Amino acid sequence: MKDQSQWRKAVQRIVRSEMSLRGMKYQGLSDRLADIGISQSADNLRNKVNKGILGADLMLQILYVLNARPLSVEMMSEVLNDCANSQ
């Protein structure tokens, strides 16, 4: 069974990996979100991602502006297993 900390670490890893694939920094993410009418400062995004605590709407908005890869159950399971093994 996965605990809350593993889910939060998974959120953190998924968002960071998508940002990394695109060479995106938090300011760039903030700018892209602003382009679709979402106001989030770079510092606020950094804090939320580092804690792995994002509302579902913000998570979807981030994945949208990053043009993220499809999020599958298999991918989430792999990330969750990696998080569990790294603790």
PDB file of N, CA and C in Angstrom:
ATOM      1  N   MET A   1       0.844  -1.182   0.000  1.00  0.00           N
ATOM      2  CA  MET A   1       0.000   0.000   0.000  1.00  0.00           C
ATOM      3  C   MET A   1       0.888   1.244   0.000  1.00  0.00           C
ATOM      4  N   LYS A   2       0.542   2.194  -0.811  1.00  0.00           N
ATOM      5  CA  LYS A   2       1.328   3.422  -0.926  1.00  0.00           C
ATOM      6  C   LYS A   2       0.846   4.433   0.117  1.00  0.00           C
ATOM      7  N   ASP A   3       1.795   5.069   0.785  1.00  0.00           N
ATOM      8  CA  ASP A   3       1.397   6.091   1.755  1.00  0.00           C
ATOM      9  C   ASP A   3       1.428   7.469   1.097  1.00  0.00           C
ATOM     10  N   GLN A   4       0.921   8.447   1.834  1.00  0.00           N
ATOM     11  CA  GLN A   4       0.774   9.799   1.283  1.00  0.00           C
ATOM     12  C   GLN A   4       2.106  10.394   0.839  1.00  0.00           C
ATOM     13  N   SER A   5       3.179  10.111   1.570  1.00  0.00           N
ATOM     14  CA  SER A   5       4.479  10.675   1.196  1.00  0.00           C
ATOM     15  C   SER A   5       4.963  10.129  -0.146  1.00  0.00           C
ATOM     16  N   GLN A   6       4.645   8.868  -0.439  1.00  0.00           N
ATOM     17  CA  GLN A   6       5.032   8.300  -1.733  1.00  0.00           C
ATOM     18  C   GLN A   6       4.247   8.943  -2.874  1.00  0.00           C
ATOM     19  N   TRP A   7       2.972   9.219  -2.652  1.00  0.00           N
ATOM     20  CA  TRP A   7       2.166   9.890  -3.671  1.00  0.00           C
ATOM     21  C   TRP A   7       2.694  11.293  -3.921  1.00  0.00           C
ATOM     22  N   ARG A   8       3.058  11.985  -2.850  1.00  0.00           N
ATOM     23  CA  ARG A   8       3.584  13.347  -3.004  1.00  0.00           C
ATOM     24  C   ARG A   8       4.919  13.339  -3.730  1.00  0.00           C
ATOM     25  N   LYS A   9       5.760  12.369  -3.413  1.00  0.00           N
ATOM     26  CA  LYS A   9       7.052  12.261  -4.101  1.00  0.00           C
ATOM     27  C   LYS A   9       6.832  11.941  -5.577  1.00  0.00           C
ATOM     28  N   ALA A  10       5.812  11.146  -5.877  1.00  0.00           N
ATOM     29  CA  ALA A  10       5.500  10.824  -7.270  1.00  0.00           C
ATOM     30  C   ALA A  10       5.074  12.079  -8.029  1.00  0.00           C
ATOM     31  N   VAL A  11       4.237  12.903  -7.425  1.00  0.00           N
ATOM     32  CA  VAL A  11       3.828  14.170  -8.055  1.00  0.00           C
ATOM     33  C   VAL A  11       5.071  15.006  -8.341  1.00  0.00           C
ATOM     34  N   GLN A  12       5.932  15.109  -7.343  1.00  0.00           N
ATOM     35  CA  GLN A  12       7.171  15.882  -7.481  1.00  0.00           C
ATOM     36  C   GLN A  12       8.012  15.360  -8.648  1.00  0.00           C
ATOM     37  N   ARG A  13       8.205  14.070  -8.699  1.00  0.00           N
ATOM     38  CA  ARG A  13       9.052  13.481  -9.749  1.00  0.00           C
ATOM     39  C   ARG A  13       8.449  13.640 -11.136  1.00  0.00           C
ATOM     40  N   ILE A  14       7.150  13.451 -11.248  1.00  0.00           N
ATOM     41  CA  ILE A  14       6.501  13.556 -12.562  1.00  0.00           C
ATOM     42  C   ILE A  14       6.618  14.978 -13.093  1.00  0.00           C
ATOM     43  N   VAL A  15       6.296  15.965 -12.260  1.00  0.00           N
ATOM     44  CA  VAL A  15       6.368  17.353 -12.718  1.00  0.00           C
ATOM     45  C   VAL A  15       7.814  17.739 -13.029  1.00  0.00           C
ATOM     46  N   ARG A  16       8.728  17.391 -12.134  1.00  0.00           N
ATOM     47  CA  ARG A  16      10.141  17.739 -12.377  1.00  0.00           C
ATOM     48  C   ARG A  16      10.686  17.077 -13.627  1.00  0.00           C
ATOM     49  N   SER A  17      10.312  15.822 -13.869  1.00  0.00           N
ATOM     50  CA  SER A  17      10.844  15.146 -15.058  1.00  0.00           C
ATOM     51  C   SER A  17      10.311  15.785 -16.334  1.00  0.00           C
ATOM     52  N   GLU A  18       9.039  16.189 -16.325  1.00  0.00           N
ATOM     53  CA  GLU A  18       8.481  16.856 -17.499  1.00  0.00           C
ATOM     54  C   GLU A  18       9.141  18.213 -17.710  1.00  0.00           C
ATOM     55  N   MET A  19       9.409  18.921 -16.622  1.00  0.00           N
ATOM     56  CA  MET A  19      10.106  20.203 -16.740  1.00  0.00           C
ATOM     57  C   MET A  19      11.517  19.988 -17.266  1.00  0.00           C
ATOM     58  N   SER A  20      12.192  18.991 -16.747  1.00  0.00           N
ATOM     59  CA  SER A  20      13.568  18.708 -17.141  1.00  0.00           C
ATOM     60  C   SER A  20      13.661  18.337 -18.624  1.00  0.00           C
ATOM     61  N   LEU A  21      12.729  17.538 -19.094  1.00  0.00           N
ATOM     62  CA  LEU A  21      12.722  17.137 -20.508  1.00  0.00           C
ATOM     63  C   LEU A  21      12.655  18.341 -21.441  1.00  0.00           C
ATOM     64  N   ARG A  22      12.026  19.406 -20.963  1.00  0.00           N
ATOM     65  CA  ARG A  22      11.850  20.598 -21.779  1.00  0.00           C
ATOM     66  C   ARG A  22      12.811  21.724 -21.415  1.00  0.00           C
ATOM     67  N   GLY A  23      13.726  21.453 -20.480  1.00  0.00           N
ATOM     68  CA  GLY A  23      14.664  22.486 -20.052  1.00  0.00           C
ATOM     69  C   GLY A  23      13.949  23.654 -19.392  1.00  0.00           C
ATOM     70  N   MET A  24      12.847  23.370 -18.721  1.00  0.00           N
ATOM     71  CA  MET A  24      11.974  24.399 -18.149  1.00  0.00           C
ATOM     72  C   MET A  24      12.342  24.678 -16.692  1.00  0.00           C
ATOM     73  N   LYS A  25      12.475  25.942 -16.391  1.00  0.00           N
ATOM     74  CA  LYS A  25      12.671  26.403 -15.012  1.00  0.00           C
ATOM     75  C   LYS A  25      11.321  26.856 -14.473  1.00  0.00           C
ATOM     76  N   TYR A  26      11.265  27.105 -13.169  1.00  0.00           N
ATOM     77  CA  TYR A  26       9.994  27.506 -12.552  1.00  0.00           C
ATOM     78  C   TYR A  26       9.473  28.833 -13.089  1.00  0.00           C
ATOM     79  N   GLN A  27      10.347  29.760 -13.420  1.00  0.00           N
ATOM     80  CA  GLN A  27       9.884  31.033 -13.983  1.00  0.00           C
ATOM     81  C   GLN A  27       9.220  30.811 -15.336  1.00  0.00           C
ATOM     82  N   GLY A  28       9.812  29.947 -16.138  1.00  0.00           N
ATOM     83  CA  GLY A  28       9.214  29.625 -17.433  1.00  0.00           C
ATOM     84  C   GLY A  28       7.866  28.948 -17.272  1.00  0.00           C
ATOM     85  N   LEU A  29       7.760  28.070 -16.283  1.00  0.00           N
ATOM     86  CA  LEU A  29       6.489  27.411 -16.004  1.00  0.00           C
ATOM     87  C   LEU A  29       5.453  28.439 -15.568  1.00  0.00           C
ATOM     88  N   SER A  30       5.849  29.355 -14.709  1.00  0.00           N
ATOM     89  CA  SER A  30       4.968  30.433 -14.264  1.00  0.00           C
ATOM     90  C   SER A  30       4.482  31.259 -15.460  1.00  0.00           C
ATOM     91  N   ASP A  31       5.400  31.575 -16.367  1.00  0.00           N
ATOM     92  CA  ASP A  31       5.047  32.360 -17.560  1.00  0.00           C
ATOM     93  C   ASP A  31       4.060  31.603 -18.448  1.00  0.00           C
ATOM     94  N   ARG A  32       4.290  30.309 -18.631  1.00  0.00           N
ATOM     95  CA  ARG A  32       3.382  29.518 -19.471  1.00  0.00           C
ATOM     96  C   ARG A  32       1.999  29.413 -18.839  1.00  0.00           C
ATOM     97  N   LEU A  33       1.958  29.272 -17.520  1.00  0.00           N
ATOM     98  CA  LEU A  33       0.667  29.230 -16.839  1.00  0.00           C
ATOM     99  C   LEU A  33      -0.055  30.570 -16.992  1.00  0.00           C
ATOM    100  N   ALA A  34       0.703  31.661 -16.896  1.00  0.00           N
ATOM    101  CA  ALA A  34       0.106  32.994 -17.059  1.00  0.00           C
ATOM    102  C   ALA A  34      -0.506  33.150 -18.448  1.00  0.00           C
ATOM    103  N   ASP A  35       0.106  32.515 -19.438  1.00  0.00           N
ATOM    104  CA  ASP A  35      -0.417  32.581 -20.805  1.00  0.00           C
ATOM    105  C   ASP A  35      -1.820  31.983 -20.923  1.00  0.00           C
ATOM    106  N   ILE A  36      -2.168  31.060 -20.005  1.00  0.00           N
ATOM    107  CA  ILE A  36      -3.517  30.477 -20.045  1.00  0.00           C
ATOM    108  C   ILE A  36      -4.385  31.027 -18.897  1.00  0.00           C
ATOM    109  N   GLY A  37      -3.921  32.128 -18.280  1.00  0.00           N
ATOM    110  CA  GLY A  37      -4.726  32.813 -17.278  1.00  0.00           C
ATOM    111  C   GLY A  37      -4.577  32.316 -15.853  1.00  0.00           C
ATOM    112  N   ILE A  38      -3.505  31.555 -15.578  1.00  0.00           N
ATOM    113  CA  ILE A  38      -3.274  31.011 -14.238  1.00  0.00           C
ATOM    114  C   ILE A  38      -2.125  31.776 -13.600  1.00  0.00           C
ATOM    115  N   SER A  39      -2.397  32.396 -12.462  1.00  0.00           N
ATOM    116  CA  SER A  39      -1.385  33.200 -11.782  1.00  0.00           C
ATOM    117  C   SER A  39      -0.729  32.395 -10.660  1.00  0.00           C
ATOM    118  N   GLN A  40       0.509  32.005 -10.896  1.00  0.00           N
ATOM    119  CA  GLN A  40       1.319  31.280  -9.911  1.00  0.00           C
ATOM    120  C   GLN A  40       2.745  31.800 -10.033  1.00  0.00           C
ATOM    121  N   SER A  41       3.297  32.307  -8.939  1.00  0.00           N
ATOM    122  CA  SER A  41       4.680  32.783  -8.986  1.00  0.00           C
ATOM    123  C   SER A  41       5.628  31.584  -9.073  1.00  0.00           C
ATOM    124  N   ALA A  42       6.828  31.851  -9.553  1.00  0.00           N
ATOM    125  CA  ALA A  42       7.838  30.798  -9.650  1.00  0.00           C
ATOM    126  C   ALA A  42       8.125  30.216  -8.273  1.00  0.00           C
ATOM    127  N   ASP A  43       8.239  31.069  -7.252  1.00  0.00           N
ATOM    128  CA  ASP A  43       8.505  30.581  -5.893  1.00  0.00           C
ATOM    129  C   ASP A  43       7.364  29.715  -5.369  1.00  0.00           C
ATOM    130  N   ASN A  44       6.136  30.125  -5.640  1.00  0.00           N
ATOM    131  CA  ASN A  44       4.975  29.362  -5.205  1.00  0.00           C
ATOM    132  C   ASN A  44       4.951  27.985  -5.880  1.00  0.00           C
ATOM    133  N   LEU A  45       5.220  27.954  -7.170  1.00  0.00           N
ATOM    134  CA  LEU A  45       5.277  26.683  -7.893  1.00  0.00           C
ATOM    135  C   LEU A  45       6.380  25.788  -7.344  1.00  0.00           C
ATOM    136  N   ARG A  46       7.544  26.368  -7.103  1.00  0.00           N
ATOM    137  CA  ARG A  46       8.670  25.603  -6.569  1.00  0.00           C
ATOM    138  C   ARG A  46       8.287  24.954  -5.237  1.00  0.00           C
ATOM    139  N   ASN A  47       7.657  25.732  -4.355  1.00  0.00           N
ATOM    140  CA  ASN A  47       7.255  25.205  -3.051  1.00  0.00           C
ATOM    141  C   ASN A  47       6.231  24.084  -3.192  1.00  0.00           C
ATOM    142  N   LYS A  48       5.244  24.287  -4.045  1.00  0.00           N
ATOM    143  CA  LYS A  48       4.201  23.278  -4.223  1.00  0.00           C
ATOM    144  C   LYS A  48       4.762  21.995  -4.819  1.00  0.00           C
ATOM    145  N   VAL A  49       5.611  22.137  -5.835  1.00  0.00           N
ATOM    146  CA  VAL A  49       6.190  20.954  -6.471  1.00  0.00           C
ATOM    147  C   VAL A  49       7.134  20.249  -5.504  1.00  0.00           C
ATOM    148  N   ASN A  50       7.972  20.993  -4.786  1.00  0.00           N
ATOM    149  CA  ASN A  50       8.899  20.375  -3.840  1.00  0.00           C
ATOM    150  C   ASN A  50       8.183  19.604  -2.743  1.00  0.00           C
ATOM    151  N   LYS A  51       7.010  20.085  -2.338  1.00  0.00           N
ATOM    152  CA  LYS A  51       6.221  19.388  -1.330  1.00  0.00           C
ATOM    153  C   LYS A  51       5.352  18.299  -1.944  1.00  0.00           C
ATOM    154  N   GLY A  52       5.193  18.339  -3.264  1.00  0.00           N
ATOM    155  CA  GLY A  52       4.354  17.365  -3.946  1.00  0.00           C
ATOM    156  C   GLY A  52       2.878  17.585  -3.671  1.00  0.00           C
ATOM    157  N   ILE A  53       2.527  18.811  -3.309  1.00  0.00           N
ATOM    158  CA  ILE A  53       1.142  19.127  -2.970  1.00  0.00           C
ATOM    159  C   ILE A  53       0.589  20.106  -3.995  1.00  0.00           C
ATOM    160  N   LEU A  54      -0.134  19.551  -4.966  1.00  0.00           N
ATOM    161  CA  LEU A  54      -0.774  20.363  -5.996  1.00  0.00           C
ATOM    162  C   LEU A  54      -2.246  19.983  -6.031  1.00  0.00           C
ATOM    163  N   GLY A  55      -3.109  20.959  -6.207  1.00  0.00           N
ATOM    164  CA  GLY A  55      -4.503  20.634  -6.473  1.00  0.00           C
ATOM    165  C   GLY A  55      -4.592  19.946  -7.822  1.00  0.00           C
ATOM    166  N   ALA A  56      -5.635  19.174  -8.009  1.00  0.00           N
ATOM    167  CA  ALA A  56      -5.808  18.454  -9.275  1.00  0.00           C
ATOM    168  C   ALA A  56      -5.850  19.416 -10.450  1.00  0.00           C
ATOM    169  N   ASP A  57      -6.499  20.570 -10.254  1.00  0.00           N
ATOM    170  CA  ASP A  57      -6.590  21.527 -11.355  1.00  0.00           C
ATOM    171  C   ASP A  57      -5.221  22.069 -11.731  1.00  0.00           C
ATOM    172  N   LEU A  58      -4.393  22.417 -10.732  1.00  0.00           N
ATOM    173  CA  LEU A  58      -3.055  22.946 -11.027  1.00  0.00           C
ATOM    174  C   LEU A  58      -2.172  21.866 -11.653  1.00  0.00           C
ATOM    175  N   MET A  59      -2.280  20.642 -11.181  1.00  0.00           N
ATOM    176  CA  MET A  59      -1.495  19.548 -11.763  1.00  0.00           C
ATOM    177  C   MET A  59      -1.839  19.394 -13.250  1.00  0.00           C
ATOM    178  N   LEU A  60      -3.127  19.399 -13.566  1.00  0.00           N
ATOM    179  CA  LEU A  60      -3.539  19.277 -14.967  1.00  0.00           C
ATOM    180  C   LEU A  60      -3.089  20.475 -15.785  1.00  0.00           C
ATOM    181  N   GLN A  61      -3.171  21.667 -15.216  1.00  0.00           N
ATOM    182  CA  GLN A  61      -2.736  22.874 -15.920  1.00  0.00           C
ATOM    183  C   GLN A  61      -1.237  22.821 -16.207  1.00  0.00           C
ATOM    184  N   ILE A  62      -0.456  22.359 -15.239  1.00  0.00           N
ATOM    185  CA  ILE A  62       0.993  22.237 -15.434  1.00  0.00           C
ATOM    186  C   ILE A  62       1.292  21.230 -16.539  1.00  0.00           C
ATOM    187  N   LEU A  63       0.666  20.064 -16.467  1.00  0.00           N
ATOM    188  CA  LEU A  63       0.903  19.051 -17.496  1.00  0.00           C
ATOM    189  C   LEU A  63       0.477  19.561 -18.871  1.00  0.00           C
ATOM    190  N   TYR A  64      -0.590  20.336 -18.915  1.00  0.00           N
ATOM    191  CA  TYR A  64      -1.072  20.904 -20.180  1.00  0.00           C
ATOM    192  C   TYR A  64      -0.053  21.880 -20.771  1.00  0.00           C
ATOM    193  N   VAL A  65       0.407  22.854 -19.959  1.00  0.00           N
ATOM    194  CA  VAL A  65       1.326  23.860 -20.510  1.00  0.00           C
ATOM    195  C   VAL A  65       2.691  23.265 -20.837  1.00  0.00           C
ATOM    196  N   LEU A  66       3.035  22.152 -20.193  1.00  0.00           N
ATOM    197  CA  LEU A  66       4.298  21.477 -20.510  1.00  0.00           C
ATOM    198  C   LEU A  66       4.159  20.541 -21.704  1.00  0.00           C
ATOM    199  N   ASN A  67       2.917  20.381 -22.192  1.00  0.00           N
ATOM    200  CA  ASN A  67       2.670  19.418 -23.259  1.00  0.00           C
ATOM    201  C   ASN A  67       3.270  18.068 -22.862  1.00  0.00           C
ATOM    202  N   ALA A  68       2.899  17.648 -21.643  1.00  0.00           N
ATOM    203  CA  ALA A  68       3.492  16.463 -21.024  1.00  0.00           C
ATOM    204  C   ALA A  68       3.140  15.184 -21.772  1.00  0.00           C
ATOM    205  N   ARG A  69       3.995  14.203 -21.570  1.00  0.00           N
ATOM    206  CA  ARG A  69       3.730  12.867 -22.084  1.00  0.00           C
ATOM    207  C   ARG A  69       2.450  12.338 -21.439  1.00  0.00           C
ATOM    208  N   PRO A  70       1.790  11.392 -22.096  1.00  0.00           N
ATOM    209  CA  PRO A  70       0.583  10.809 -21.486  1.00  0.00           C
ATOM    210  C   PRO A  70       0.909  10.181 -20.135  1.00  0.00           C
ATOM    211  N   LEU A  71       0.029  10.394 -19.187  1.00  0.00           N
ATOM    212  CA  LEU A  71       0.197   9.861 -17.840  1.00  0.00           C
ATOM    213  C   LEU A  71      -0.612   8.571 -17.751  1.00  0.00           C
ATOM    214  N   SER A  72       0.077   7.450 -17.659  1.00  0.00           N
ATOM    215  CA  SER A  72      -0.596   6.155 -17.634  1.00  0.00           C
ATOM    216  C   SER A  72      -0.478   5.524 -16.245  1.00  0.00           C
ATOM    217  N   VAL A  73      -1.317   4.544 -16.006  1.00  0.00           N
ATOM    218  CA  VAL A  73      -1.258   3.794 -14.753  1.00  0.00           C
ATOM    219  C   VAL A  73       0.104   3.112 -14.631  1.00  0.00           C
ATOM    220  N   GLU A  74       0.611   2.616 -15.729  1.00  0.00           N
ATOM    221  CA  GLU A  74       1.914   1.943 -15.709  1.00  0.00           C
ATOM    222  C   GLU A  74       3.021   2.913 -15.305  1.00  0.00           C
ATOM    223  N   MET A  75       2.975   4.121 -15.866  1.00  0.00           N
ATOM    224  CA  MET A  75       3.982   5.128 -15.531  1.00  0.00           C
ATOM    225  C   MET A  75       3.889   5.507 -14.054  1.00  0.00           C
ATOM    226  N   MET A  76       2.658   5.738 -13.573  1.00  0.00           N
ATOM    227  CA  MET A  76       2.485   6.095 -12.161  1.00  0.00           C
ATOM    228  C   MET A  76       2.958   4.963 -11.252  1.00  0.00           C
ATOM    229  N   SER A  77       2.657   3.739 -11.615  1.00  0.00           N
ATOM    230  CA  SER A  77       3.084   2.586 -10.818  1.00  0.00           C
ATOM    231  C   SER A  77       4.606   2.503 -10.749  1.00  0.00           C
ATOM    232  N   GLU A  78       5.258   2.731 -11.866  1.00  0.00           N
ATOM    233  CA  GLU A  78       6.716   2.718 -11.911  1.00  0.00           C
ATOM    234  C   GLU A  78       7.315   3.812 -11.016  1.00  0.00           C
ATOM    235  N   VAL A  79       6.769   5.013 -11.106  1.00  0.00           N
ATOM    236  CA  VAL A  79       7.256   6.124 -10.283  1.00  0.00           C
ATOM    237  C   VAL A  79       7.005   5.838  -8.811  1.00  0.00           C
ATOM    238  N   LEU A  80       5.819   5.343  -8.476  1.00  0.00           N
ATOM    239  CA  LEU A  80       5.497   5.024  -7.077  1.00  0.00           C
ATOM    240  C   LEU A  80       6.419   3.954  -6.528  1.00  0.00           C
ATOM    241  N   ASN A  81       6.709   2.946  -7.334  1.00  0.00           N
ATOM    242  CA  ASN A  81       7.623   1.886  -6.889  1.00  0.00           C
ATOM    243  C   ASN A  81       9.023   2.437  -6.664  1.00  0.00           C
ATOM    244  N   ASP A  82       9.476   3.316  -7.545  1.00  0.00           N
ATOM    245  CA  ASP A  82      10.779   3.948  -7.364  1.00  0.00           C
ATOM    246  C   ASP A  82      10.797   4.766  -6.083  1.00  0.00           C
ATOM    247  N   CYS A  83       9.709   5.489  -5.808  1.00  0.00           N
ATOM    248  CA  CYS A  83       9.623   6.296  -4.580  1.00  0.00           C
ATOM    249  C   CYS A  83       9.671   5.406  -3.348  1.00  0.00           C
ATOM    250  N   ALA A  84       8.961   4.286  -3.388  1.00  0.00           N
ATOM    251  CA  ALA A  84       8.936   3.366  -2.249  1.00  0.00           C
ATOM    252  C   ALA A  84      10.314   2.761  -2.018  1.00  0.00           C
ATOM    253  N   ASN A  85      11.017   2.440  -3.093  1.00  0.00           N
ATOM    254  CA  ASN A  85      12.337   1.828  -2.976  1.00  0.00           C
ATOM    255  C   ASN A  85      13.415   2.789  -2.540  1.00  0.00           C
ATOM    256  N   SER A  86      13.174   4.090  -2.711  1.00  0.00           N
ATOM    257  CA  SER A  86      14.194   5.082  -2.363  1.00  0.00           C
ATOM    258  C   SER A  86      14.060   5.571  -0.926  1.00  0.00           C
ATOM    259  N   GLN A  87      13.072   5.092  -0.213  1.00  0.00           N
ATOM    260  CA  GLN A  87      12.883   5.557   1.180  1.00  0.00           C
ATOM    261  C   GLN A  87      13.650   4.710   2.149  1.00  0.00           C
TER     262      GLN A  87
END
